[in-house]
């Protein structure tokens, strides 16, 4: 009887959590990335997307609202991505300029989370002086395409 009462108490105690879980799991997913707009803005030759800040490097943005939708997009469109989750790996967070300098500008696009990179002027500073990217707002991101 004692164990039954403890189990009943546990179920009652978890009732609110179970209700929250049910509501969350039944809620429609909200899209934080306009896939069609991104597709329309990318060059047909784009094969690699460079995303910043890299996974585990964000200071102000949430991967849930920035990187994860880009990871989904790149996987669905067979594009390479410079970052992602690797267990127990901490990527270098201060190599943005050198990584961009090594990119193939004919096939690359660059996406920056606006909460971590607040202006296109700051972003343009990461590119070599002879590369002038066209940076456009895309929701909570900046999409930069070298011209």
C-alpha atoms as a PDB file:
ATOM      1  CA  UNK A   1       0.000   0.000   0.000  1.00  0.00           C
ATOM      2  CA  UNK A   2       2.830   2.367   0.859  1.00  0.00           C
ATOM      3  CA  UNK A   3       4.503   1.854  -2.552  1.00  0.00           C
ATOM      4  CA  UNK A   4       1.175   2.387  -4.302  1.00  0.00           C
ATOM      5  CA  UNK A   5       0.687   5.693  -2.463  1.00  0.00           C
ATOM      6  CA  UNK A   6       4.214   6.807  -3.358  1.00  0.00           C
ATOM      7  CA  UNK A   7       3.614   5.945  -7.030  1.00  0.00           C
ATOM      8  CA  UNK A   8       0.302   7.821  -7.005  1.00  0.00           C
ATOM      9  CA  UNK A   9       1.964  10.831  -5.376  1.00  0.00           C
ATOM     10  CA  UNK A  10       4.711  10.751  -8.024  1.00  0.00           C
ATOM     11  CA  UNK A  11       2.162  10.677 -10.858  1.00  0.00           C
ATOM     12  CA  UNK A  12       0.220  13.588  -9.367  1.00  0.00           C
ATOM     13  CA  UNK A  13       3.452  15.500  -8.771  1.00  0.00           C
ATOM     14  CA  UNK A  14       4.535  15.003 -12.403  1.00  0.00           C
ATOM     15  CA  UNK A  15       1.125  15.945 -13.807  1.00  0.00           C
ATOM     16  CA  UNK A  16       2.124  19.485 -14.741  1.00  0.00           C
ATOM     17  CA  UNK A  17       5.344  18.300 -16.410  1.00  0.00           C
ATOM     18  CA  UNK A  18       3.448  15.661 -18.391  1.00  0.00           C
ATOM     19  CA  UNK A  19       0.947  18.303 -19.519  1.00  0.00           C
ATOM     20  CA  UNK A  20       3.771  20.618 -20.676  1.00  0.00           C
ATOM     21  CA  UNK A  21       5.447  17.744 -22.520  1.00  0.00           C
ATOM     22  CA  UNK A  22       2.203  16.854 -24.320  1.00  0.00           C
ATOM     23  CA  UNK A  23       1.615  20.476 -25.368  1.00  0.00           C
ATOM     24  CA  UNK A  24       5.183  20.831 -26.610  1.00  0.00           C
ATOM     25  CA  UNK A  25       5.170  17.604 -28.577  1.00  0.00           C
ATOM     26  CA  UNK A  26       1.821  18.408 -30.228  1.00  0.00           C
ATOM     27  CA  UNK A  27       2.672  21.976 -31.179  1.00  0.00           C
ATOM     28  CA  UNK A  28       3.296  22.769 -34.835  1.00  0.00           C
ATOM     29  CA  UNK A  29       6.917  23.477 -35.660  1.00  0.00           C
ATOM     30  CA  UNK A  30       7.686  27.079 -36.437  1.00  0.00           C
ATOM     31  CA  UNK A  31      10.128  27.759 -39.206  1.00  0.00           C
ATOM     32  CA  UNK A  32      12.853  30.235 -38.337  1.00  0.00           C
ATOM     33  CA  UNK A  33      14.407  30.007 -41.807  1.00  0.00           C
ATOM     34  CA  UNK A  34      12.712  30.827 -45.084  1.00  0.00           C
ATOM     35  CA  UNK A  35      14.071  27.963 -47.198  1.00  0.00           C
ATOM     36  CA  UNK A  36      12.681  29.342 -50.446  1.00  0.00           C
ATOM     37  CA  UNK A  37      14.156  32.788 -49.880  1.00  0.00           C
ATOM     38  CA  UNK A  38      17.563  31.262 -49.128  1.00  0.00           C
ATOM     39  CA  UNK A  39      17.385  29.076 -52.238  1.00  0.00           C
ATOM     40  CA  UNK A  40      16.462  32.101 -54.366  1.00  0.00           C
ATOM     41  CA  UNK A  41      19.378  34.148 -53.009  1.00  0.00           C
ATOM     42  CA  UNK A  42      22.103  31.509 -53.384  1.00  0.00           C
ATOM     43  CA  UNK A  43      24.062  31.190 -56.601  1.00  0.00           C
ATOM     44  CA  UNK A  44      23.345  28.020 -58.566  1.00  0.00           C
ATOM     45  CA  UNK A  45      27.037  27.111 -58.157  1.00  0.00           C
ATOM     46  CA  UNK A  46      26.919  27.309 -54.352  1.00  0.00           C
ATOM     47  CA  UNK A  47      28.218  24.066 -52.902  1.00  0.00           C
ATOM     48  CA  UNK A  48      29.450  25.173 -49.464  1.00  0.00           C
ATOM     49  CA  UNK A  49      27.927  27.313 -46.760  1.00  0.00           C
ATOM     50  CA  UNK A  50      30.135  28.811 -44.105  1.00  0.00           C
ATOM     51  CA  UNK A  51      28.173  29.561 -40.945  1.00  0.00           C
ATOM     52  CA  UNK A  52      29.302  31.843 -38.132  1.00  0.00           C
ATOM     53  CA  UNK A  53      29.507  31.622 -35.228  1.00  0.00           C
ATOM     54  CA  UNK A  54      30.523  27.996 -35.489  1.00  0.00           C
ATOM     55  CA  UNK A  55      28.904  25.428 -33.225  1.00  0.00           C
ATOM     56  CA  UNK A  56      29.868  26.089 -29.575  1.00  0.00           C
ATOM     57  CA  UNK A  57      31.214  29.559 -30.423  1.00  0.00           C
ATOM     58  CA  UNK A  58      28.026  31.651 -30.142  1.00  0.00           C
ATOM     59  CA  UNK A  59      27.949  34.307 -27.457  1.00  0.00           C
ATOM     60  CA  UNK A  60      24.523  35.849 -28.066  1.00  0.00           C
ATOM     61  CA  UNK A  61      22.618  33.623 -30.498  1.00  0.00           C
ATOM     62  CA  UNK A  62      20.983  30.258 -29.995  1.00  0.00           C
ATOM     63  CA  UNK A  63      21.903  27.351 -32.299  1.00  0.00           C
ATOM     64  CA  UNK A  64      18.230  26.345 -32.204  1.00  0.00           C
ATOM     65  CA  UNK A  65      17.252  29.541 -34.050  1.00  0.00           C
ATOM     66  CA  UNK A  66      20.313  29.907 -36.275  1.00  0.00           C
ATOM     67  CA  UNK A  67      22.659  26.999 -36.901  1.00  0.00           C
ATOM     68  CA  UNK A  68      20.250  24.064 -36.632  1.00  0.00           C
ATOM     69  CA  UNK A  69      17.906  25.356 -39.368  1.00  0.00           C
ATOM     70  CA  UNK A  70      20.962  25.923 -41.591  1.00  0.00           C
ATOM     71  CA  UNK A  71      22.185  22.389 -40.862  1.00  0.00           C
ATOM     72  CA  UNK A  72      18.779  21.054 -41.901  1.00  0.00           C
ATOM     73  CA  UNK A  73      18.786  23.181 -45.064  1.00  0.00           C
ATOM     74  CA  UNK A  74      22.282  22.117 -46.112  1.00  0.00           C
ATOM     75  CA  UNK A  75      21.534  18.439 -45.537  1.00  0.00           C
ATOM     76  CA  UNK A  76      18.312  18.606 -47.542  1.00  0.00           C
ATOM     77  CA  UNK A  77      20.036  20.451 -50.404  1.00  0.00           C
ATOM     78  CA  UNK A  78      23.269  18.420 -50.457  1.00  0.00           C
ATOM     79  CA  UNK A  79      25.474  21.380 -49.520  1.00  0.00           C
ATOM     80  CA  UNK A  80      28.650  21.240 -47.442  1.00  0.00           C
ATOM     81  CA  UNK A  81      28.707  23.123 -44.133  1.00  0.00           C
ATOM     82  CA  UNK A  82      31.799  24.259 -42.241  1.00  0.00           C
ATOM     83  CA  UNK A  83      30.456  23.496 -38.767  1.00  0.00           C
ATOM     84  CA  UNK A  84      28.187  21.230 -36.787  1.00  0.00           C
ATOM     85  CA  UNK A  85      28.021  19.063 -33.705  1.00  0.00           C
ATOM     86  CA  UNK A  86      30.951  16.765 -33.008  1.00  0.00           C
ATOM     87  CA  UNK A  87      30.981  15.208 -29.544  1.00  0.00           C
ATOM     88  CA  UNK A  88      33.577  16.662 -27.171  1.00  0.00           C
ATOM     89  CA  UNK A  89      35.093  18.871 -29.915  1.00  0.00           C
ATOM     90  CA  UNK A  90      35.594  22.577 -29.412  1.00  0.00           C
ATOM     91  CA  UNK A  91      36.330  24.273 -32.753  1.00  0.00           C
ATOM     92  CA  UNK A  92      38.585  27.314 -32.886  1.00  0.00           C
ATOM     93  CA  UNK A  93      36.304  30.320 -32.585  1.00  0.00           C
ATOM     94  CA  UNK A  94      38.803  32.966 -33.640  1.00  0.00           C
ATOM     95  CA  UNK A  95      39.708  31.677 -37.107  1.00  0.00           C
ATOM     96  CA  UNK A  96      36.883  33.305 -39.068  1.00  0.00           C
ATOM     97  CA  UNK A  97      39.122  35.531 -41.188  1.00  0.00           C
ATOM     98  CA  UNK A  98      41.588  32.762 -42.085  1.00  0.00           C
ATOM     99  CA  UNK A  99      38.791  30.300 -42.855  1.00  0.00           C
ATOM    100  CA  UNK A 100      37.059  32.808 -45.129  1.00  0.00           C
ATOM    101  CA  UNK A 101      40.350  33.601 -46.888  1.00  0.00           C
ATOM    102  CA  UNK A 102      40.729  29.894 -47.767  1.00  0.00           C
ATOM    103  CA  UNK A 103      37.186  29.607 -49.167  1.00  0.00           C
ATOM    104  CA  UNK A 104      36.422  29.157 -52.845  1.00  0.00           C
ATOM    105  CA  UNK A 105      34.466  32.352 -53.466  1.00  0.00           C
ATOM    106  CA  UNK A 106      32.933  30.999 -56.677  1.00  0.00           C
ATOM    107  CA  UNK A 107      31.064  28.238 -54.819  1.00  0.00           C
ATOM    108  CA  UNK A 108      30.747  29.576 -51.262  1.00  0.00           C
ATOM    109  CA  UNK A 109      28.092  31.495 -49.378  1.00  0.00           C
ATOM    110  CA  UNK A 110      28.521  32.873 -45.878  1.00  0.00           C
ATOM    111  CA  UNK A 111      25.853  33.122 -43.199  1.00  0.00           C
ATOM    112  CA  UNK A 112      26.233  35.088 -39.971  1.00  0.00           C
ATOM    113  CA  UNK A 113      23.908  35.145 -36.950  1.00  0.00           C
ATOM    114  CA  UNK A 114      22.786  38.743 -36.425  1.00  0.00           C
ATOM    115  CA  UNK A 115      22.918  38.518 -32.625  1.00  0.00           C
ATOM    116  CA  UNK A 116      26.644  37.767 -32.809  1.00  0.00           C
ATOM    117  CA  UNK A 117      27.493  39.847 -35.894  1.00  0.00           C
ATOM    118  CA  UNK A 118      25.396  42.980 -35.583  1.00  0.00           C
ATOM    119  CA  UNK A 119      26.365  44.807 -38.772  1.00  0.00           C
ATOM    120  CA  UNK A 120      27.391  44.037 -42.316  1.00  0.00           C
ATOM    121  CA  UNK A 121      30.327  46.434 -41.913  1.00  0.00           C
ATOM    122  CA  UNK A 122      31.787  44.177 -39.198  1.00  0.00           C
ATOM    123  CA  UNK A 123      31.167  41.115 -41.374  1.00  0.00           C
ATOM    124  CA  UNK A 124      32.856  42.647 -44.430  1.00  0.00           C
ATOM    125  CA  UNK A 125      35.976  43.124 -42.288  1.00  0.00           C
ATOM    126  CA  UNK A 126      36.464  39.334 -42.226  1.00  0.00           C
ATOM    127  CA  UNK A 127      36.782  39.138 -46.022  1.00  0.00           C
ATOM    128  CA  UNK A 128      39.947  39.798 -48.034  1.00  0.00           C
ATOM    129  CA  UNK A 129      40.172  43.402 -49.262  1.00  0.00           C
ATOM    130  CA  UNK A 130      39.608  42.410 -52.895  1.00  0.00           C
ATOM    131  CA  UNK A 131      36.376  40.509 -52.099  1.00  0.00           C
ATOM    132  CA  UNK A 132      33.236  42.606 -51.699  1.00  0.00           C
ATOM    133  CA  UNK A 133      30.381  40.435 -50.449  1.00  0.00           C
ATOM    134  CA  UNK A 134      26.770  41.402 -50.919  1.00  0.00           C
ATOM    135  CA  UNK A 135      25.226  40.901 -47.455  1.00  0.00           C
ATOM    136  CA  UNK A 136      21.470  40.651 -47.112  1.00  0.00           C
ATOM    137  CA  UNK A 137      19.257  40.162 -44.067  1.00  0.00           C
ATOM    138  CA  UNK A 138      17.534  36.775 -43.969  1.00  0.00           C
ATOM    139  CA  UNK A 139      15.369  36.638 -40.860  1.00  0.00           C
ATOM    140  CA  UNK A 140      17.774  36.645 -37.911  1.00  0.00           C
ATOM    141  CA  UNK A 141      20.763  35.981 -40.175  1.00  0.00           C
ATOM    142  CA  UNK A 142      22.914  37.804 -42.698  1.00  0.00           C
ATOM    143  CA  UNK A 143      23.566  35.983 -45.968  1.00  0.00           C
ATOM    144  CA  UNK A 144      26.754  37.175 -47.674  1.00  0.00           C
ATOM    145  CA  UNK A 145      27.570  36.239 -51.239  1.00  0.00           C
ATOM    146  CA  UNK A 146      30.870  37.312 -52.791  1.00  0.00           C
ATOM    147  CA  UNK A 147      30.447  39.231 -56.049  1.00  0.00           C
END
